C-alpha atoms as a PDB file:
ATOM      1  CA  MET A   1     -21.219  -4.239 -17.595  1.00  0.00           C
ATOM      2  CA  LYS A   2     -23.117  -3.829 -14.738  1.00  0.00           C
ATOM      3  CA  GLU A   3     -22.406  -4.830 -11.252  1.00  0.00           C
ATOM      4  CA  LYS A   4     -24.527  -6.561  -8.672  1.00  0.00           C
ATOM      5  CA  ILE A   5     -23.589  -6.738  -4.947  1.00  0.00           C
ATOM      6  CA  SER A   6     -24.652  -8.978  -2.565  1.00  0.00           C
ATOM      7  CA  ILE A   7     -23.854  -8.955   1.264  1.00  0.00           C
ATOM      8  CA  MET A   8     -21.440 -11.976   2.304  1.00  0.00           C
ATOM      9  CA  ILE A   9     -20.329 -10.601   5.598  1.00  0.00           C
ATOM     10  CA  SER A  10     -22.519  -8.184   7.193  1.00  0.00           C
ATOM     11  CA  GLU A  11     -21.629  -4.713   8.984  1.00  0.00           C
ATOM     12  CA  GLU A  12     -22.345  -6.188  12.237  1.00  0.00           C
ATOM     13  CA  ARG A  13     -20.261  -9.464  11.963  1.00  0.00           C
ATOM     14  CA  VAL A  14     -17.100  -7.229  10.709  1.00  0.00           C
ATOM     15  CA  ASP A  15     -17.238  -4.845  13.609  1.00  0.00           C
ATOM     16  CA  GLN A  16     -17.349  -7.825  16.011  1.00  0.00           C
ATOM     17  CA  ARG A  17     -14.588  -9.439  14.380  1.00  0.00           C
ATOM     18  CA  ILE A  18     -12.277  -6.359  14.537  1.00  0.00           C
ATOM     19  CA  ALA A  19     -12.997  -5.702  18.178  1.00  0.00           C
ATOM     20  CA  GLU A  20     -11.789  -9.464  18.893  1.00  0.00           C
ATOM     21  CA  LEU A  21      -8.570  -8.783  16.652  1.00  0.00           C
ATOM     22  CA  ALA A  22      -7.708  -5.754  18.727  1.00  0.00           C
ATOM     23  CA  LYS A  23      -8.412  -7.385  22.090  1.00  0.00           C
ATOM     24  CA  GLU A  24      -5.979 -10.346  21.004  1.00  0.00           C
ATOM     25  CA  ILE A  25      -3.144  -8.099  19.657  1.00  0.00           C
ATOM     26  CA  SER A  26      -3.621  -5.624  22.691  1.00  0.00           C
ATOM     27  CA  ALA A  27      -3.215  -8.802  24.935  1.00  0.00           C
ATOM     28  CA  GLU A  28      -0.432 -10.011  23.224  1.00  0.00           C
ATOM     29  CA  LEU A  29       1.728  -6.710  23.049  1.00  0.00           C
ATOM     30  CA  GLU A  30       0.758  -5.593  26.672  1.00  0.00           C
ATOM     31  CA  GLY A  31       2.953  -3.155  27.974  1.00  0.00           C
ATOM     32  CA  GLU A  32       4.607  -2.531  24.441  1.00  0.00           C
ATOM     33  CA  SER A  33       3.575   0.161  21.946  1.00  0.00           C
ATOM     34  CA  VAL A  34       3.002  -0.905  18.015  1.00  0.00           C
ATOM     35  CA  VAL A  35       3.548   0.943  14.732  1.00  0.00           C
ATOM     36  CA  LEU A  36       0.361  -0.460  12.037  1.00  0.00           C
ATOM     37  CA  ILE A  37       1.438  -0.094   8.793  1.00  0.00           C
ATOM     38  CA  CYS A  38      -1.687   0.529   6.439  1.00  0.00           C
ATOM     39  CA  ILE A  39      -1.659  -0.747   2.953  1.00  0.00           C
ATOM     40  CA  LEU A  40      -3.099   1.569   0.997  1.00  0.00           C
ATOM     41  CA  LYS A  41      -5.931   1.867  -0.070  1.00  0.00           C
ATOM     42  CA  GLY A  42      -7.813  -0.939   0.545  1.00  0.00           C
ATOM     43  CA  SER A  43      -6.982  -1.245   4.076  1.00  0.00           C
ATOM     44  CA  VAL A  44      -7.745   2.381   5.407  1.00  0.00           C
ATOM     45  CA  PHE A  45     -11.214   1.543   6.772  1.00  0.00           C
ATOM     46  CA  PHE A  46     -10.118  -1.897   8.697  1.00  0.00           C
ATOM     47  CA  THR A  47      -6.774  -0.290  10.026  1.00  0.00           C
ATOM     48  CA  CYS A  48      -8.865   2.919  11.583  1.00  0.00           C
ATOM     49  CA  GLU A  49     -11.106   0.892  12.968  1.00  0.00           C
ATOM     50  CA  LEU A  50      -8.731  -1.600  14.527  1.00  0.00           C
ATOM     51  CA  ALA A  51      -6.401   0.987  15.727  1.00  0.00           C
ATOM     52  CA  LYS A  52      -9.542   2.591  17.688  1.00  0.00           C
ATOM     53  CA  ARG A  53      -9.942  -0.336  19.804  1.00  0.00           C
ATOM     54  CA  MET A  54      -6.575  -1.335  20.446  1.00  0.00           C
ATOM     55  CA  THR A  55      -5.688  -0.081  24.182  1.00  0.00           C
ATOM     56  CA  ILE A  56      -1.783  -0.297  23.506  1.00  0.00           C
ATOM     57  CA  PRO A  57      -0.018   2.785  22.468  1.00  0.00           C
ATOM     58  CA  VAL A  58      -0.519   2.861  18.673  1.00  0.00           C
ATOM     59  CA  THR A  59       1.080   4.992  15.888  1.00  0.00           C
ATOM     60  CA  LEU A  60       0.370   4.722  12.166  1.00  0.00           C
ATOM     61  CA  ASP A  61       2.267   4.902   8.795  1.00  0.00           C
ATOM     62  CA  PHE A  62       1.052   3.874   5.351  1.00  0.00           C
ATOM     63  CA  MET A  63       2.441   1.921   2.176  1.00  0.00           C
ATOM     64  CA  CYS A  64       0.932   1.933  -1.269  1.00  0.00           C
ATOM     65  CA  VAL A  65       1.538  -1.447  -2.666  1.00  0.00           C
ATOM     66  CA  SER A  66      -0.143  -3.076  -5.584  1.00  0.00           C
ATOM     67  CA  SER A  67      -0.294  -5.886  -7.850  1.00  0.00           C
ATOM     68  CA  TYR A  68      -3.943  -4.965  -9.101  1.00  0.00           C
ATOM     69  CA  GLY A  69      -4.911  -2.988 -11.584  1.00  0.00           C
ATOM     70  CA  ASN A  70      -8.483  -1.870 -12.338  1.00  0.00           C
ATOM     71  CA  GLY A  71      -9.149  -5.668 -13.041  1.00  0.00           C
ATOM     72  CA  THR A  72     -10.172  -8.633 -10.822  1.00  0.00           C
ATOM     73  CA  LYS A  73      -6.790 -10.387 -10.828  1.00  0.00           C
ATOM     74  CA  SER A  74      -3.480 -10.044  -9.926  1.00  0.00           C
ATOM     75  CA  SER A  75      -0.948  -8.590 -12.243  1.00  0.00           C
ATOM     76  CA  GLY A  76       1.884 -10.444 -10.410  1.00  0.00           C
ATOM     77  CA  ILE A  77       4.023  -7.401 -10.534  1.00  0.00           C
ATOM     78  CA  VAL A  78       4.585  -5.832  -7.330  1.00  0.00           C
ATOM     79  CA  ARG A  79       4.666  -1.707  -7.405  1.00  0.00           C
ATOM     80  CA  ILE A  80       5.416   0.295  -4.171  1.00  0.00           C
ATOM     81  CA  SER A  81       4.064   3.946  -5.173  1.00  0.00           C
ATOM     82  CA  LYS A  82       4.553   5.047  -1.143  1.00  0.00           C
ATOM     83  CA  ASP A  83       7.169   4.191   1.198  1.00  0.00           C
ATOM     84  CA  LEU A  84       7.196   4.658   4.960  1.00  0.00           C
ATOM     85  CA  ASP A  85       7.429   8.060   6.097  1.00  0.00           C
ATOM     86  CA  GLN A  86       9.397   6.838   9.713  1.00  0.00           C
ATOM     87  CA  SER A  87      12.076   4.051  10.555  1.00  0.00           C
ATOM     88  CA  ILE A  88      10.510   0.716  12.005  1.00  0.00           C
ATOM     89  CA  GLU A  89      13.700  -0.207  13.145  1.00  0.00           C
ATOM     90  CA  GLY A  90      13.527  -1.999  16.869  1.00  0.00           C
ATOM     91  CA  LYS A  91       9.710  -1.326  16.923  1.00  0.00           C
ATOM     92  CA  ASN A  92       6.707  -3.637  16.988  1.00  0.00           C
ATOM     93  CA  VAL A  93       5.215  -3.800  13.536  1.00  0.00           C
ATOM     94  CA  ILE A  94       1.740  -5.141  12.147  1.00  0.00           C
ATOM     95  CA  VAL A  95       1.281  -4.643   8.473  1.00  0.00           C
ATOM     96  CA  ILE A  96      -2.634  -4.251   8.055  1.00  0.00           C
ATOM     97  CA  GLU A  97      -4.126  -5.848   4.769  1.00  0.00           C
ATOM     98  CA  ASP A  98      -7.424  -5.813   3.468  1.00  0.00           C
ATOM     99  CA  ILE A  99      -7.168  -9.287   1.707  1.00  0.00           C
ATOM    100  CA  ILE A 100      -4.556 -11.876   0.861  1.00  0.00           C
ATOM    101  CA  ASP A 101      -5.209 -13.808  -1.999  1.00  0.00           C
ATOM    102  CA  SER A 102      -1.927 -15.054  -3.871  1.00  0.00           C
ATOM    103  CA  GLY A 103       0.460 -14.056  -1.397  1.00  0.00           C
ATOM    104  CA  ARG A 104       2.943 -12.370  -4.037  1.00  0.00           C
ATOM    105  CA  THR A 105       2.446  -8.904  -2.913  1.00  0.00           C
ATOM    106  CA  LEU A 106       2.862  -9.694   0.957  1.00  0.00           C
ATOM    107  CA  SER A 107       5.263 -12.110   0.610  1.00  0.00           C
ATOM    108  CA  TYR A 108       7.428  -9.334  -1.490  1.00  0.00           C
ATOM    109  CA  LEU A 109       6.712  -6.767   1.283  1.00  0.00           C
ATOM    110  CA  MET A 110       7.291  -8.821   4.656  1.00  0.00           C
ATOM    111  CA  GLU A 111      10.790  -9.523   3.250  1.00  0.00           C
ATOM    112  CA  LEU A 112      11.286  -6.068   2.137  1.00  0.00           C
ATOM    113  CA  LEU A 113       9.878  -4.993   5.917  1.00  0.00           C
ATOM    114  CA  LYS A 114      12.173  -7.623   7.739  1.00  0.00           C
ATOM    115  CA  ALA A 115      15.484  -6.186   6.102  1.00  0.00           C
ATOM    116  CA  ARG A 116      14.811  -2.871   8.067  1.00  0.00           C
ATOM    117  CA  LYS A 117      15.119  -4.853  11.119  1.00  0.00           C
ATOM    118  CA  PRO A 118      12.199  -4.395  13.113  1.00  0.00           C
ATOM    119  CA  LYS A 119      11.740  -6.186  16.834  1.00  0.00           C
ATOM    120  CA  SER A 120       8.692  -8.080  15.641  1.00  0.00           C
ATOM    121  CA  LEU A 121       7.065  -8.065  12.380  1.00  0.00           C
ATOM    122  CA  ARG A 122       3.476  -9.293  12.205  1.00  0.00           C
ATOM    123  CA  LEU A 123       0.505  -9.425   9.482  1.00  0.00           C
ATOM    124  CA  CYS A 124      -2.717  -8.988   9.894  1.00  0.00           C
ATOM    125  CA  THR A 125      -5.683  -9.234   7.324  1.00  0.00           C
ATOM    126  CA  LEU A 126      -9.427  -8.739   7.174  1.00  0.00           C
ATOM    127  CA  LEU A 127      -9.547 -11.265   4.591  1.00  0.00           C
ATOM    128  CA  ASP A 128      -7.868 -14.310   3.511  1.00  0.00           C
ATOM    129  CA  LYS A 129      -8.462 -16.397   0.541  1.00  0.00           C
ATOM    130  CA  PRO A 130      -6.183 -19.313   0.943  1.00  0.00           C
ATOM    131  CA  ASP A 131      -7.792 -21.186  -2.223  1.00  0.00           C
ATOM    132  CA  ARG A 132      -5.763 -18.695  -4.392  1.00  0.00           C
ATOM    133  CA  ARG A 133      -2.351 -18.557  -2.529  1.00  0.00           C
ATOM    134  CA  VAL A 134       0.283 -19.207  -4.695  1.00  0.00           C
ATOM    135  CA  ILE A 135       3.197 -18.020  -2.494  1.00  0.00           C
ATOM    136  CA  ASP A 136       2.816 -19.077   1.309  1.00  0.00           C
ATOM    137  CA  VAL A 137       2.501 -16.054   3.527  1.00  0.00           C
ATOM    138  CA  PRO A 138       2.436 -16.633   7.414  1.00  0.00           C
ATOM    139  CA  VAL A 139      -0.769 -14.449   8.761  1.00  0.00           C
ATOM    140  CA  ASP A 140      -0.635 -13.930  12.564  1.00  0.00           C
ATOM    141  CA  TYR A 141      -4.064 -12.262  12.576  1.00  0.00           C
ATOM    142  CA  THR A 142      -7.062 -13.267  10.400  1.00  0.00           C
ATOM    143  CA  GLY A 143     -10.551 -11.457  10.320  1.00  0.00           C
ATOM    144  CA  PHE A 144     -12.223 -14.095   8.001  1.00  0.00           C
ATOM    145  CA  GLU A 145     -11.248 -16.834   5.669  1.00  0.00           C
ATOM    146  CA  ILE A 146     -13.749 -16.420   2.514  1.00  0.00           C
ATOM    147  CA  GLU A 147     -13.902 -18.812  -0.448  1.00  0.00           C
ATOM    148  CA  ASP A 148     -12.805 -17.637  -3.996  1.00  0.00           C
ATOM    149  CA  LYS A 149     -15.188 -14.773  -4.783  1.00  0.00           C
ATOM    150  CA  PHE A 150     -14.516 -11.216  -5.979  1.00  0.00           C
ATOM    151  CA  VAL A 151     -14.950  -9.072  -2.976  1.00  0.00           C
ATOM    152  CA  VAL A 152     -16.016  -5.576  -2.369  1.00  0.00           C
ATOM    153  CA  GLY A 153     -16.625  -3.124   0.822  1.00  0.00           C
ATOM    154  CA  TYR A 154     -14.950  -2.352   3.937  1.00  0.00           C
ATOM    155  CA  GLY A 155     -12.189  -0.401   1.592  1.00  0.00           C
ATOM    156  CA  LEU A 156     -12.127  -3.130  -0.881  1.00  0.00           C
ATOM    157  CA  ASP A 157     -12.871  -1.768  -4.175  1.00  0.00           C
ATOM    158  CA  TYR A 158     -13.980  -2.638  -7.976  1.00  0.00           C
ATOM    159  CA  ALA A 159     -12.379  -0.024 -10.251  1.00  0.00           C
ATOM    160  CA  GLN A 160     -12.211   2.342  -7.177  1.00  0.00           C
ATOM    161  CA  LYS A 161     -15.865   1.806  -6.660  1.00  0.00           C
ATOM    162  CA  TYR A 162     -17.597   0.223  -3.835  1.00  0.00           C
ATOM    163  CA  ARG A 163     -15.131   0.946  -0.931  1.00  0.00           C
ATOM    164  CA  ASN A 164     -17.387   2.930   1.318  1.00  0.00           C
ATOM    165  CA  LEU A 165     -19.612  -0.189   1.636  1.00  0.00           C
ATOM    166  CA  PRO A 166     -19.876  -0.745   5.458  1.00  0.00           C
ATOM    167  CA  TYR A 167     -19.989  -4.637   4.969  1.00  0.00           C
ATOM    168  CA  ILE A 168     -18.213  -6.942   2.448  1.00  0.00           C
ATOM    169  CA  GLY A 169     -19.983  -7.919  -0.485  1.00  0.00           C
ATOM    170  CA  VAL A 170     -19.563 -10.398  -3.457  1.00  0.00           C
ATOM    171  CA  VAL A 171     -19.538  -8.680  -6.943  1.00  0.00           C
ATOM    172  CA  GLU A 172     -21.711 -10.552  -9.849  1.00  0.00           C
ATOM    173  CA  PHE A 173     -21.106  -9.280 -13.014  1.00  0.00           C
ATOM    174  CA  ILE A 174     -24.543  -8.998 -15.140  1.00  0.00           C
ATOM    175  CA  GLY A 175     -25.184  -8.403 -18.738  1.00  0.00           C
ATOM    176  CA  ASP A 176     -22.304  -7.587 -21.499  1.00  0.00           C
ATOM    177  CA  GLU A 177     -20.477  -4.765 -22.016  1.00  0.00           C
ATOM    178  CA  ASP A 178     -22.677  -3.099 -24.675  1.00  0.00           C
ATOM    179  CA  GLU A 179     -25.327  -2.577 -22.156  1.00  0.00           C
END
């Protein structure tokens, strides 16, 4: 089966929205520092671009948490394959996610991190698919709310492909598996 990608959100709109989010976060945490927890692999592009635009002191840490395999639907099973390298106790923390759909993964992760006693814990996502929500997850900062389509680009992938696209694109599957 082949894939066709059409642009949903242009590179310019993504860049503009990230700059707005960085400004908002920096204003809210003025005079403070923050730990950005990048959820690998999809959030790398977003986290880096957001951090570059923030005007407050930022440190980065990384977690690899997933409930997807190579498919397009969540498996419902949350797996942590890389945990944080540093303690977040007493620190301002923002979890950076590429996309939130069912809410299962982020609900689990936010509870896990809350138990580590950060000073504050917020959630920032580039994309939000509220129509797919199974578990309510409070999102503090949202780049774009999108309809329920399978998207790639800006870190999001389909079977590890298309992460490097500088925009958000919709995947259309063309043909059958024998082609």
